[in-house]
PDBML (XML) file of the C-alpha atoms, coordinates in Angstrom:
<?xml version="1.0" encoding="UTF-8" ?>
<PDBx:datablock datablockName="MODEL"
   xmlns:PDBx="http://pdbml.pdb.org/schema/pdbx-v50.xsd"
   xmlns:xsi="http://www.w3.org/2001/XMLSchema-instance"
   xsi:schemaLocation="http://pdbml.pdb.org/schema/pdbx-v50.xsd pdbx-v50.xsd">
   <PDBx:atom_siteCategory>
      <PDBx:atom_site id="1">
         <PDBx:B_iso_or_equiv>0.00</PDBx:B_iso_or_equiv>
         <PDBx:Cartn_x>105.373</PDBx:Cartn_x>
         <PDBx:Cartn_y>89.126</PDBx:Cartn_y>
         <PDBx:Cartn_z>100.083</PDBx:Cartn_z>
         <PDBx:auth_asym_id>A</PDBx:auth_asym_id>
         <PDBx:auth_atom_id>CA</PDBx:auth_atom_id>
         <PDBx:auth_comp_id>THR</PDBx:auth_comp_id>
         <PDBx:auth_seq_id>1</PDBx:auth_seq_id>
         <PDBx:group_PDB>ATOM</PDBx:group_PDB>
         <PDBx:label_alt_id xsi:nil="true" />
         <PDBx:label_asym_id>A</PDBx:label_asym_id>
         <PDBx:label_atom_id>CA</PDBx:label_atom_id>
         <PDBx:label_comp_id>THR</PDBx:label_comp_id>
         <PDBx:label_entity_id>1</PDBx:label_entity_id>
         <PDBx:label_seq_id>1</PDBx:label_seq_id>
         <PDBx:occupancy>1.00</PDBx:occupancy>
         <PDBx:pdbx_PDB_model_num>1</PDBx:pdbx_PDB_model_num>
         <PDBx:type_symbol>C</PDBx:type_symbol>
      </PDBx:atom_site>
      <PDBx:atom_site id="2">
         <PDBx:B_iso_or_equiv>0.00</PDBx:B_iso_or_equiv>
         <PDBx:Cartn_x>104.326</PDBx:Cartn_x>
         <PDBx:Cartn_y>90.947</PDBx:Cartn_y>
         <PDBx:Cartn_z>97.267</PDBx:Cartn_z>
         <PDBx:auth_asym_id>A</PDBx:auth_asym_id>
         <PDBx:auth_atom_id>CA</PDBx:auth_atom_id>
         <PDBx:auth_comp_id>GLY</PDBx:auth_comp_id>
         <PDBx:auth_seq_id>2</PDBx:auth_seq_id>
         <PDBx:group_PDB>ATOM</PDBx:group_PDB>
         <PDBx:label_alt_id xsi:nil="true" />
         <PDBx:label_asym_id>A</PDBx:label_asym_id>
         <PDBx:label_atom_id>CA</PDBx:label_atom_id>
         <PDBx:label_comp_id>GLY</PDBx:label_comp_id>
         <PDBx:label_entity_id>1</PDBx:label_entity_id>
         <PDBx:label_seq_id>2</PDBx:label_seq_id>
         <PDBx:occupancy>1.00</PDBx:occupancy>
         <PDBx:pdbx_PDB_model_num>1</PDBx:pdbx_PDB_model_num>
         <PDBx:type_symbol>C</PDBx:type_symbol>
      </PDBx:atom_site>
      <PDBx:atom_site id="3">
         <PDBx:B_iso_or_equiv>0.00</PDBx:B_iso_or_equiv>
         <PDBx:Cartn_x>106.974</PDBx:Cartn_x>
         <PDBx:Cartn_y>91.348</PDBx:Cartn_y>
         <PDBx:Cartn_z>94.308</PDBx:Cartn_z>
         <PDBx:auth_asym_id>A</PDBx:auth_asym_id>
         <PDBx:auth_atom_id>CA</PDBx:auth_atom_id>
         <PDBx:auth_comp_id>THR</PDBx:auth_comp_id>
         <PDBx:auth_seq_id>3</PDBx:auth_seq_id>
         <PDBx:group_PDB>ATOM</PDBx:group_PDB>
         <PDBx:label_alt_id xsi:nil="true" />
         <PDBx:label_asym_id>A</PDBx:label_asym_id>
         <PDBx:label_atom_id>CA</PDBx:label_atom_id>
         <PDBx:label_comp_id>THR</PDBx:label_comp_id>
         <PDBx:label_entity_id>1</PDBx:label_entity_id>
         <PDBx:label_seq_id>3</PDBx:label_seq_id>
         <PDBx:occupancy>1.00</PDBx:occupancy>
         <PDBx:pdbx_PDB_model_num>1</PDBx:pdbx_PDB_model_num>
         <PDBx:type_symbol>C</PDBx:type_symbol>
      </PDBx:atom_site>
      <PDBx:atom_site id="4">
         <PDBx:B_iso_or_equiv>0.00</PDBx:B_iso_or_equiv>
         <PDBx:Cartn_x>106.642</PDBx:Cartn_x>
         <PDBx:Cartn_y>94.886</PDBx:Cartn_y>
         <PDBx:Cartn_z>93.174</PDBx:Cartn_z>
         <PDBx:auth_asym_id>A</PDBx:auth_asym_id>
         <PDBx:auth_atom_id>CA</PDBx:auth_atom_id>
         <PDBx:auth_comp_id>ALA</PDBx:auth_comp_id>
         <PDBx:auth_seq_id>4</PDBx:auth_seq_id>
         <PDBx:group_PDB>ATOM</PDBx:group_PDB>
         <PDBx:label_alt_id xsi:nil="true" />
         <PDBx:label_asym_id>A</PDBx:label_asym_id>
         <PDBx:label_atom_id>CA</PDBx:label_atom_id>
         <PDBx:label_comp_id>ALA</PDBx:label_comp_id>
         <PDBx:label_entity_id>1</PDBx:label_entity_id>
         <PDBx:label_seq_id>4</PDBx:label_seq_id>
         <PDBx:occupancy>1.00</PDBx:occupancy>
         <PDBx:pdbx_PDB_model_num>1</PDBx:pdbx_PDB_model_num>
         <PDBx:type_symbol>C</PDBx:type_symbol>
      </PDBx:atom_site>
      <PDBx:atom_site id="5">
         <PDBx:B_iso_or_equiv>0.00</PDBx:B_iso_or_equiv>
         <PDBx:Cartn_x>103.323</PDBx:Cartn_x>
         <PDBx:Cartn_y>95.968</PDBx:Cartn_y>
         <PDBx:Cartn_z>91.135</PDBx:Cartn_z>
         <PDBx:auth_asym_id>A</PDBx:auth_asym_id>
         <PDBx:auth_atom_id>CA</PDBx:auth_atom_id>
         <PDBx:auth_comp_id>GLY</PDBx:auth_comp_id>
         <PDBx:auth_seq_id>5</PDBx:auth_seq_id>
         <PDBx:group_PDB>ATOM</PDBx:group_PDB>
         <PDBx:label_alt_id xsi:nil="true" />
         <PDBx:label_asym_id>A</PDBx:label_asym_id>
         <PDBx:label_atom_id>CA</PDBx:label_atom_id>
         <PDBx:label_comp_id>GLY</PDBx:label_comp_id>
         <PDBx:label_entity_id>1</PDBx:label_entity_id>
         <PDBx:label_seq_id>5</PDBx:label_seq_id>
         <PDBx:occupancy>1.00</PDBx:occupancy>
         <PDBx:pdbx_PDB_model_num>1</PDBx:pdbx_PDB_model_num>
         <PDBx:type_symbol>C</PDBx:type_symbol>
      </PDBx:atom_site>
      <PDBx:atom_site id="6">
         <PDBx:B_iso_or_equiv>0.00</PDBx:B_iso_or_equiv>
         <PDBx:Cartn_x>102.560</PDBx:Cartn_x>
         <PDBx:Cartn_y>91.905</PDBx:Cartn_y>
         <PDBx:Cartn_z>90.636</PDBx:Cartn_z>
         <PDBx:auth_asym_id>A</PDBx:auth_asym_id>
         <PDBx:auth_atom_id>CA</PDBx:auth_atom_id>
         <PDBx:auth_comp_id>VAL</PDBx:auth_comp_id>
         <PDBx:auth_seq_id>6</PDBx:auth_seq_id>
         <PDBx:group_PDB>ATOM</PDBx:group_PDB>
         <PDBx:label_alt_id xsi:nil="true" />
         <PDBx:label_asym_id>A</PDBx:label_asym_id>
         <PDBx:label_atom_id>CA</PDBx:label_atom_id>
         <PDBx:label_comp_id>VAL</PDBx:label_comp_id>
         <PDBx:label_entity_id>1</PDBx:label_entity_id>
         <PDBx:label_seq_id>6</PDBx:label_seq_id>
         <PDBx:occupancy>1.00</PDBx:occupancy>
         <PDBx:pdbx_PDB_model_num>1</PDBx:pdbx_PDB_model_num>
         <PDBx:type_symbol>C</PDBx:type_symbol>
      </PDBx:atom_site>
      <PDBx:atom_site id="7">
         <PDBx:B_iso_or_equiv>0.00</PDBx:B_iso_or_equiv>
         <PDBx:Cartn_x>100.756</PDBx:Cartn_x>
         <PDBx:Cartn_y>90.789</PDBx:Cartn_y>
         <PDBx:Cartn_z>93.988</PDBx:Cartn_z>
         <PDBx:auth_asym_id>A</PDBx:auth_asym_id>
         <PDBx:auth_atom_id>CA</PDBx:auth_atom_id>
         <PDBx:auth_comp_id>THR</PDBx:auth_comp_id>
         <PDBx:auth_seq_id>7</PDBx:auth_seq_id>
         <PDBx:group_PDB>ATOM</PDBx:group_PDB>
         <PDBx:label_alt_id xsi:nil="true" />
         <PDBx:label_asym_id>A</PDBx:label_asym_id>
         <PDBx:label_atom_id>CA</PDBx:label_atom_id>
         <PDBx:label_comp_id>THR</PDBx:label_comp_id>
         <PDBx:label_entity_id>1</PDBx:label_entity_id>
         <PDBx:label_seq_id>7</PDBx:label_seq_id>
         <PDBx:occupancy>1.00</PDBx:occupancy>
         <PDBx:pdbx_PDB_model_num>1</PDBx:pdbx_PDB_model_num>
         <PDBx:type_symbol>C</PDBx:type_symbol>
      </PDBx:atom_site>
      <PDBx:atom_site id="8">
         <PDBx:B_iso_or_equiv>0.00</PDBx:B_iso_or_equiv>
         <PDBx:Cartn_x>100.010</PDBx:Cartn_x>
         <PDBx:Cartn_y>94.213</PDBx:Cartn_y>
         <PDBx:Cartn_z>95.250</PDBx:Cartn_z>
         <PDBx:auth_asym_id>A</PDBx:auth_asym_id>
         <PDBx:auth_atom_id>CA</PDBx:auth_atom_id>
         <PDBx:auth_comp_id>GLY</PDBx:auth_comp_id>
         <PDBx:auth_seq_id>8</PDBx:auth_seq_id>
         <PDBx:group_PDB>ATOM</PDBx:group_PDB>
         <PDBx:label_alt_id xsi:nil="true" />
         <PDBx:label_asym_id>A</PDBx:label_asym_id>
         <PDBx:label_atom_id>CA</PDBx:label_atom_id>
         <PDBx:label_comp_id>GLY</PDBx:label_comp_id>
         <PDBx:label_entity_id>1</PDBx:label_entity_id>
         <PDBx:label_seq_id>8</PDBx:label_seq_id>
         <PDBx:occupancy>1.00</PDBx:occupancy>
         <PDBx:pdbx_PDB_model_num>1</PDBx:pdbx_PDB_model_num>
         <PDBx:type_symbol>C</PDBx:type_symbol>
      </PDBx:atom_site>
      <PDBx:atom_site id="9">
         <PDBx:B_iso_or_equiv>0.00</PDBx:B_iso_or_equiv>
         <PDBx:Cartn_x>96.199</PDBx:Cartn_x>
         <PDBx:Cartn_y>93.667</PDBx:Cartn_y>
         <PDBx:Cartn_z>94.296</PDBx:Cartn_z>
         <PDBx:auth_asym_id>A</PDBx:auth_asym_id>
         <PDBx:auth_atom_id>CA</PDBx:auth_atom_id>
         <PDBx:auth_comp_id>THR</PDBx:auth_comp_id>
         <PDBx:auth_seq_id>9</PDBx:auth_seq_id>
         <PDBx:group_PDB>ATOM</PDBx:group_PDB>
         <PDBx:label_alt_id xsi:nil="true" />
         <PDBx:label_asym_id>A</PDBx:label_asym_id>
         <PDBx:label_atom_id>CA</PDBx:label_atom_id>
         <PDBx:label_comp_id>THR</PDBx:label_comp_id>
         <PDBx:label_entity_id>1</PDBx:label_entity_id>
         <PDBx:label_seq_id>9</PDBx:label_seq_id>
         <PDBx:occupancy>1.00</PDBx:occupancy>
         <PDBx:pdbx_PDB_model_num>1</PDBx:pdbx_PDB_model_num>
         <PDBx:type_symbol>C</PDBx:type_symbol>
      </PDBx:atom_site>
      <PDBx:atom_site id="10">
         <PDBx:B_iso_or_equiv>0.00</PDBx:B_iso_or_equiv>
         <PDBx:Cartn_x>94.811</PDBx:Cartn_x>
         <PDBx:Cartn_y>93.714</PDBx:Cartn_y>
         <PDBx:Cartn_z>97.943</PDBx:Cartn_z>
         <PDBx:auth_asym_id>A</PDBx:auth_asym_id>
         <PDBx:auth_atom_id>CA</PDBx:auth_atom_id>
         <PDBx:auth_comp_id>ALA</PDBx:auth_comp_id>
         <PDBx:auth_seq_id>10</PDBx:auth_seq_id>
         <PDBx:group_PDB>ATOM</PDBx:group_PDB>
         <PDBx:label_alt_id xsi:nil="true" />
         <PDBx:label_asym_id>A</PDBx:label_asym_id>
         <PDBx:label_atom_id>CA</PDBx:label_atom_id>
         <PDBx:label_comp_id>ALA</PDBx:label_comp_id>
         <PDBx:label_entity_id>1</PDBx:label_entity_id>
         <PDBx:label_seq_id>10</PDBx:label_seq_id>
         <PDBx:occupancy>1.00</PDBx:occupancy>
         <PDBx:pdbx_PDB_model_num>1</PDBx:pdbx_PDB_model_num>
         <PDBx:type_symbol>C</PDBx:type_symbol>
      </PDBx:atom_site>
      <PDBx:atom_site id="11">
         <PDBx:B_iso_or_equiv>0.00</PDBx:B_iso_or_equiv>
         <PDBx:Cartn_x>95.494</PDBx:Cartn_x>
         <PDBx:Cartn_y>97.522</PDBx:Cartn_y>
         <PDBx:Cartn_z>98.536</PDBx:Cartn_z>
         <PDBx:auth_asym_id>A</PDBx:auth_asym_id>
         <PDBx:auth_atom_id>CA</PDBx:auth_atom_id>
         <PDBx:auth_comp_id>GLY</PDBx:auth_comp_id>
         <PDBx:auth_seq_id>11</PDBx:auth_seq_id>
         <PDBx:group_PDB>ATOM</PDBx:group_PDB>
         <PDBx:label_alt_id xsi:nil="true" />
         <PDBx:label_asym_id>A</PDBx:label_asym_id>
         <PDBx:label_atom_id>CA</PDBx:label_atom_id>
         <PDBx:label_comp_id>GLY</PDBx:label_comp_id>
         <PDBx:label_entity_id>1</PDBx:label_entity_id>
         <PDBx:label_seq_id>11</PDBx:label_seq_id>
         <PDBx:occupancy>1.00</PDBx:occupancy>
         <PDBx:pdbx_PDB_model_num>1</PDBx:pdbx_PDB_model_num>
         <PDBx:type_symbol>C</PDBx:type_symbol>
      </PDBx:atom_site>
      <PDBx:atom_site id="12">
         <PDBx:B_iso_or_equiv>0.00</PDBx:B_iso_or_equiv>
         <PDBx:Cartn_x>92.798</PDBx:Cartn_x>
         <PDBx:Cartn_y>98.478</PDBx:Cartn_y>
         <PDBx:Cartn_z>95.434</PDBx:Cartn_z>
         <PDBx:auth_asym_id>A</PDBx:auth_asym_id>
         <PDBx:auth_atom_id>CA</PDBx:auth_atom_id>
         <PDBx:auth_comp_id>THR</PDBx:auth_comp_id>
         <PDBx:auth_seq_id>12</PDBx:auth_seq_id>
         <PDBx:group_PDB>ATOM</PDBx:group_PDB>
         <PDBx:label_alt_id xsi:nil="true" />
         <PDBx:label_asym_id>A</PDBx:label_asym_id>
         <PDBx:label_atom_id>CA</PDBx:label_atom_id>
         <PDBx:label_comp_id>THR</PDBx:label_comp_id>
         <PDBx:label_entity_id>1</PDBx:label_entity_id>
         <PDBx:label_seq_id>12</PDBx:label_seq_id>
         <PDBx:occupancy>1.00</PDBx:occupancy>
         <PDBx:pdbx_PDB_model_num>1</PDBx:pdbx_PDB_model_num>
         <PDBx:type_symbol>C</PDBx:type_symbol>
      </PDBx:atom_site>
      <PDBx:atom_site id="13">
         <PDBx:B_iso_or_equiv>0.00</PDBx:B_iso_or_equiv>
         <PDBx:Cartn_x>92.821</PDBx:Cartn_x>
         <PDBx:Cartn_y>102.387</PDBx:Cartn_y>
         <PDBx:Cartn_z>96.344</PDBx:Cartn_z>
         <PDBx:auth_asym_id>A</PDBx:auth_asym_id>
         <PDBx:auth_atom_id>CA</PDBx:auth_atom_id>
         <PDBx:auth_comp_id>THR</PDBx:auth_comp_id>
         <PDBx:auth_seq_id>13</PDBx:auth_seq_id>
         <PDBx:group_PDB>ATOM</PDBx:group_PDB>
         <PDBx:label_alt_id xsi:nil="true" />
         <PDBx:label_asym_id>A</PDBx:label_asym_id>
         <PDBx:label_atom_id>CA</PDBx:label_atom_id>
         <PDBx:label_comp_id>THR</PDBx:label_comp_id>
         <PDBx:label_entity_id>1</PDBx:label_entity_id>
         <PDBx:label_seq_id>13</PDBx:label_seq_id>
         <PDBx:occupancy>1.00</PDBx:occupancy>
         <PDBx:pdbx_PDB_model_num>1</PDBx:pdbx_PDB_model_num>
         <PDBx:type_symbol>C</PDBx:type_symbol>
      </PDBx:atom_site>
      <PDBx:atom_site id="14">
         <PDBx:B_iso_or_equiv>0.00</PDBx:B_iso_or_equiv>
         <PDBx:Cartn_x>96.580</PDBx:Cartn_x>
         <PDBx:Cartn_y>102.481</PDBx:Cartn_y>
         <PDBx:Cartn_z>97.661</PDBx:Cartn_z>
         <PDBx:auth_asym_id>A</PDBx:auth_asym_id>
         <PDBx:auth_atom_id>CA</PDBx:auth_atom_id>
         <PDBx:auth_comp_id>GLY</PDBx:auth_comp_id>
         <PDBx:auth_seq_id>14</PDBx:auth_seq_id>
         <PDBx:group_PDB>ATOM</PDBx:group_PDB>
         <PDBx:label_alt_id xsi:nil="true" />
         <PDBx:label_asym_id>A</PDBx:label_asym_id>
         <PDBx:label_atom_id>CA</PDBx:label_atom_id>
         <PDBx:label_comp_id>GLY</PDBx:label_comp_id>
         <PDBx:label_entity_id>1</PDBx:label_entity_id>
         <PDBx:label_seq_id>14</PDBx:label_seq_id>
         <PDBx:occupancy>1.00</PDBx:occupancy>
         <PDBx:pdbx_PDB_model_num>1</PDBx:pdbx_PDB_model_num>
         <PDBx:type_symbol>C</PDBx:type_symbol>
      </PDBx:atom_site>
      <PDBx:atom_site id="15">
         <PDBx:B_iso_or_equiv>0.00</PDBx:B_iso_or_equiv>
         <PDBx:Cartn_x>98.182</PDBx:Cartn_x>
         <PDBx:Cartn_y>104.176</PDBx:Cartn_y>
         <PDBx:Cartn_z>94.452</PDBx:Cartn_z>
         <PDBx:auth_asym_id>A</PDBx:auth_asym_id>
         <PDBx:auth_atom_id>CA</PDBx:auth_atom_id>
         <PDBx:auth_comp_id>VAL</PDBx:auth_comp_id>
         <PDBx:auth_seq_id>15</PDBx:auth_seq_id>
         <PDBx:group_PDB>ATOM</PDBx:group_PDB>
         <PDBx:label_alt_id xsi:nil="true" />
         <PDBx:label_asym_id>A</PDBx:label_asym_id>
         <PDBx:label_atom_id>CA</PDBx:label_atom_id>
         <PDBx:label_comp_id>VAL</PDBx:label_comp_id>
         <PDBx:label_entity_id>1</PDBx:label_entity_id>
         <PDBx:label_seq_id>15</PDBx:label_seq_id>
         <PDBx:occupancy>1.00</PDBx:occupancy>
         <PDBx:pdbx_PDB_model_num>1</PDBx:pdbx_PDB_model_num>
         <PDBx:type_symbol>C</PDBx:type_symbol>
      </PDBx:atom_site>
      <PDBx:atom_site id="16">
         <PDBx:B_iso_or_equiv>0.00</PDBx:B_iso_or_equiv>
         <PDBx:Cartn_x>100.753</PDBx:Cartn_x>
         <PDBx:Cartn_y>106.157</PDBx:Cartn_y>
         <PDBx:Cartn_z>95.356</PDBx:Cartn_z>
         <PDBx:auth_asym_id>A</PDBx:auth_asym_id>
         <PDBx:auth_atom_id>CA</PDBx:auth_atom_id>
         <PDBx:auth_comp_id>GLY</PDBx:auth_comp_id>
         <PDBx:auth_seq_id>16</PDBx:auth_seq_id>
         <PDBx:group_PDB>ATOM</PDBx:group_PDB>
         <PDBx:label_alt_id xsi:nil="true" />
         <PDBx:label_asym_id>A</PDBx:label_asym_id>
         <PDBx:label_atom_id>CA</PDBx:label_atom_id>
         <PDBx:label_comp_id>GLY</PDBx:label_comp_id>
         <PDBx:label_entity_id>1</PDBx:label_entity_id>
         <PDBx:label_seq_id>16</PDBx:label_seq_id>
         <PDBx:occupancy>1.00</PDBx:occupancy>
         <PDBx:pdbx_PDB_model_num>1</PDBx:pdbx_PDB_model_num>
         <PDBx:type_symbol>C</PDBx:type_symbol>
      </PDBx:atom_site>
      <PDBx:atom_site id="17">
         <PDBx:B_iso_or_equiv>0.00</PDBx:B_iso_or_equiv>
         <PDBx:Cartn_x>100.543</PDBx:Cartn_x>
         <PDBx:Cartn_y>109.650</PDBx:Cartn_y>
         <PDBx:Cartn_z>96.368</PDBx:Cartn_z>
         <PDBx:auth_asym_id>A</PDBx:auth_asym_id>
         <PDBx:auth_atom_id>CA</PDBx:auth_atom_id>
         <PDBx:auth_comp_id>GLY</PDBx:auth_comp_id>
         <PDBx:auth_seq_id>17</PDBx:auth_seq_id>
         <PDBx:group_PDB>ATOM</PDBx:group_PDB>
         <PDBx:label_alt_id xsi:nil="true" />
         <PDBx:label_asym_id>A</PDBx:label_asym_id>
         <PDBx:label_atom_id>CA</PDBx:label_atom_id>
         <PDBx:label_comp_id>GLY</PDBx:label_comp_id>
         <PDBx:label_entity_id>1</PDBx:label_entity_id>
         <PDBx:label_seq_id>17</PDBx:label_seq_id>
         <PDBx:occupancy>1.00</PDBx:occupancy>
         <PDBx:pdbx_PDB_model_num>1</PDBx:pdbx_PDB_model_num>
         <PDBx:type_symbol>C</PDBx:type_symbol>
      </PDBx:atom_site>
      <PDBx:atom_site id="18">
         <PDBx:B_iso_or_equiv>0.00</PDBx:B_iso_or_equiv>
         <PDBx:Cartn_x>102.194</PDBx:Cartn_x>
         <PDBx:Cartn_y>112.173</PDBx:Cartn_y>
         <PDBx:Cartn_z>93.326</PDBx:Cartn_z>
         <PDBx:auth_asym_id>A</PDBx:auth_asym_id>
         <PDBx:auth_atom_id>CA</PDBx:auth_atom_id>
         <PDBx:auth_comp_id>THR</PDBx:auth_comp_id>
         <PDBx:auth_seq_id>18</PDBx:auth_seq_id>
         <PDBx:group_PDB>ATOM</PDBx:group_PDB>
         <PDBx:label_alt_id xsi:nil="true" />
         <PDBx:label_asym_id>A</PDBx:label_asym_id>
         <PDBx:label_atom_id>CA</PDBx:label_atom_id>
         <PDBx:label_comp_id>THR</PDBx:label_comp_id>
         <PDBx:label_entity_id>1</PDBx:label_entity_id>
         <PDBx:label_seq_id>18</PDBx:label_seq_id>
         <PDBx:occupancy>1.00</PDBx:occupancy>
         <PDBx:pdbx_PDB_model_num>1</PDBx:pdbx_PDB_model_num>
         <PDBx:type_symbol>C</PDBx:type_symbol>
      </PDBx:atom_site>
      <PDBx:atom_site id="19">
         <PDBx:B_iso_or_equiv>0.00</PDBx:B_iso_or_equiv>
         <PDBx:Cartn_x>104.641</PDBx:Cartn_x>
         <PDBx:Cartn_y>113.134</PDBx:Cartn_y>
         <PDBx:Cartn_z>96.136</PDBx:Cartn_z>
         <PDBx:auth_asym_id>A</PDBx:auth_asym_id>
         <PDBx:auth_atom_id>CA</PDBx:auth_atom_id>
         <PDBx:auth_comp_id>THR</PDBx:auth_comp_id>
         <PDBx:auth_seq_id>19</PDBx:auth_seq_id>
         <PDBx:group_PDB>ATOM</PDBx:group_PDB>
         <PDBx:label_alt_id xsi:nil="true" />
         <PDBx:label_asym_id>A</PDBx:label_asym_id>
         <PDBx:label_atom_id>CA</PDBx:label_atom_id>
         <PDBx:label_comp_id>THR</PDBx:label_comp_id>
         <PDBx:label_entity_id>1</PDBx:label_entity_id>
         <PDBx:label_seq_id>19</PDBx:label_seq_id>
         <PDBx:occupancy>1.00</PDBx:occupancy>
         <PDBx:pdbx_PDB_model_num>1</PDBx:pdbx_PDB_model_num>
         <PDBx:type_symbol>C</PDBx:type_symbol>
      </PDBx:atom_site>
      <PDBx:atom_site id="20">
         <PDBx:B_iso_or_equiv>0.00</PDBx:B_iso_or_equiv>
         <PDBx:Cartn_x>105.654</PDBx:Cartn_x>
         <PDBx:Cartn_y>109.998</PDBx:Cartn_y>
         <PDBx:Cartn_z>97.519</PDBx:Cartn_z>
         <PDBx:auth_asym_id>A</PDBx:auth_asym_id>
         <PDBx:auth_atom_id>CA</PDBx:auth_atom_id>
         <PDBx:auth_comp_id>GLY</PDBx:auth_comp_id>
         <PDBx:auth_seq_id>20</PDBx:auth_seq_id>
         <PDBx:group_PDB>ATOM</PDBx:group_PDB>
         <PDBx:label_alt_id xsi:nil="true" />
         <PDBx:label_asym_id>A</PDBx:label_asym_id>
         <PDBx:label_atom_id>CA</PDBx:label_atom_id>
         <PDBx:label_comp_id>GLY</PDBx:label_comp_id>
         <PDBx:label_entity_id>1</PDBx:label_entity_id>
         <PDBx:label_seq_id>20</PDBx:label_seq_id>
         <PDBx:occupancy>1.00</PDBx:occupancy>
         <PDBx:pdbx_PDB_model_num>1</PDBx:pdbx_PDB_model_num>
         <PDBx:type_symbol>C</PDBx:type_symbol>
      </PDBx:atom_site>
      <PDBx:atom_site id="21">
         <PDBx:B_iso_or_equiv>0.00</PDBx:B_iso_or_equiv>
         <PDBx:Cartn_x>104.725</PDBx:Cartn_x>
         <PDBx:Cartn_y>110.945</PDBx:Cartn_y>
         <PDBx:Cartn_z>101.469</PDBx:Cartn_z>
         <PDBx:auth_asym_id>A</PDBx:auth_asym_id>
         <PDBx:auth_atom_id>CA</PDBx:auth_atom_id>
         <PDBx:auth_comp_id>ALA</PDBx:auth_comp_id>
         <PDBx:auth_seq_id>21</PDBx:auth_seq_id>
         <PDBx:group_PDB>ATOM</PDBx:group_PDB>
         <PDBx:label_alt_id xsi:nil="true" />
         <PDBx:label_asym_id>A</PDBx:label_asym_id>
         <PDBx:label_atom_id>CA</PDBx:label_atom_id>
         <PDBx:label_comp_id>ALA</PDBx:label_comp_id>
         <PDBx:label_entity_id>1</PDBx:label_entity_id>
         <PDBx:label_seq_id>21</PDBx:label_seq_id>
         <PDBx:occupancy>1.00</PDBx:occupancy>
         <PDBx:pdbx_PDB_model_num>1</PDBx:pdbx_PDB_model_num>
         <PDBx:type_symbol>C</PDBx:type_symbol>
      </PDBx:atom_site>
      <PDBx:atom_site id="22">
         <PDBx:B_iso_or_equiv>0.00</PDBx:B_iso_or_equiv>
         <PDBx:Cartn_x>104.138</PDBx:Cartn_x>
         <PDBx:Cartn_y>107.671</PDBx:Cartn_y>
         <PDBx:Cartn_z>103.812</PDBx:Cartn_z>
         <PDBx:auth_asym_id>A</PDBx:auth_asym_id>
         <PDBx:auth_atom_id>CA</PDBx:auth_atom_id>
         <PDBx:auth_comp_id>ALA</PDBx:auth_comp_id>
         <PDBx:auth_seq_id>22</PDBx:auth_seq_id>
         <PDBx:group_PDB>ATOM</PDBx:group_PDB>
         <PDBx:label_alt_id xsi:nil="true" />
         <PDBx:label_asym_id>A</PDBx:label_asym_id>
         <PDBx:label_atom_id>CA</PDBx:label_atom_id>
         <PDBx:label_comp_id>ALA</PDBx:label_comp_id>
         <PDBx:label_entity_id>1</PDBx:label_entity_id>
         <PDBx:label_seq_id>22</PDBx:label_seq_id>
         <PDBx:occupancy>1.00</PDBx:occupancy>
         <PDBx:pdbx_PDB_model_num>1</PDBx:pdbx_PDB_model_num>
         <PDBx:type_symbol>C</PDBx:type_symbol>
      </PDBx:atom_site>
      <PDBx:atom_site id="23">
         <PDBx:B_iso_or_equiv>0.00</PDBx:B_iso_or_equiv>
         <PDBx:Cartn_x>100.665</PDBx:Cartn_x>
         <PDBx:Cartn_y>107.742</PDBx:Cartn_y>
         <PDBx:Cartn_z>104.716</PDBx:Cartn_z>
         <PDBx:auth_asym_id>A</PDBx:auth_asym_id>
         <PDBx:auth_atom_id>CA</PDBx:auth_atom_id>
         <PDBx:auth_comp_id>GLY</PDBx:auth_comp_id>
         <PDBx:auth_seq_id>23</PDBx:auth_seq_id>
         <PDBx:group_PDB>ATOM</PDBx:group_PDB>
         <PDBx:label_alt_id xsi:nil="true" />
         <PDBx:label_asym_id>A</PDBx:label_asym_id>
         <PDBx:label_atom_id>CA</PDBx:label_atom_id>
         <PDBx:label_comp_id>GLY</PDBx:label_comp_id>
         <PDBx:label_entity_id>1</PDBx:label_entity_id>
         <PDBx:label_seq_id>23</PDBx:label_seq_id>
         <PDBx:occupancy>1.00</PDBx:occupancy>
         <PDBx:pdbx_PDB_model_num>1</PDBx:pdbx_PDB_model_num>
         <PDBx:type_symbol>C</PDBx:type_symbol>
      </PDBx:atom_site>
      <PDBx:atom_site id="24">
         <PDBx:B_iso_or_equiv>0.00</PDBx:B_iso_or_equiv>
         <PDBx:Cartn_x>99.566</PDBx:Cartn_x>
         <PDBx:Cartn_y>109.297</PDBx:Cartn_y>
         <PDBx:Cartn_z>108.100</PDBx:Cartn_z>
         <PDBx:auth_asym_id>A</PDBx:auth_asym_id>
         <PDBx:auth_atom_id>CA</PDBx:auth_atom_id>
         <PDBx:auth_comp_id>THR</PDBx:auth_comp_id>
         <PDBx:auth_seq_id>24</PDBx:auth_seq_id>
         <PDBx:group_PDB>ATOM</PDBx:group_PDB>
         <PDBx:label_alt_id xsi:nil="true" />
         <PDBx:label_asym_id>A</PDBx:label_asym_id>
         <PDBx:label_atom_id>CA</PDBx:label_atom_id>
         <PDBx:label_comp_id>THR</PDBx:label_comp_id>
         <PDBx:label_entity_id>1</PDBx:label_entity_id>
         <PDBx:label_seq_id>24</PDBx:label_seq_id>
         <PDBx:occupancy>1.00</PDBx:occupancy>
         <PDBx:pdbx_PDB_model_num>1</PDBx:pdbx_PDB_model_num>
         <PDBx:type_symbol>C</PDBx:type_symbol>
      </PDBx:atom_site>
   </PDBx:atom_siteCategory>
</PDBx:datablock>
């Protein structure tokens, strides 16, 4: 439901990992 980087404020600490791995 969120557009890229626009409404993605919910995960305030969910910064993408540098290796782009999916979270376990």
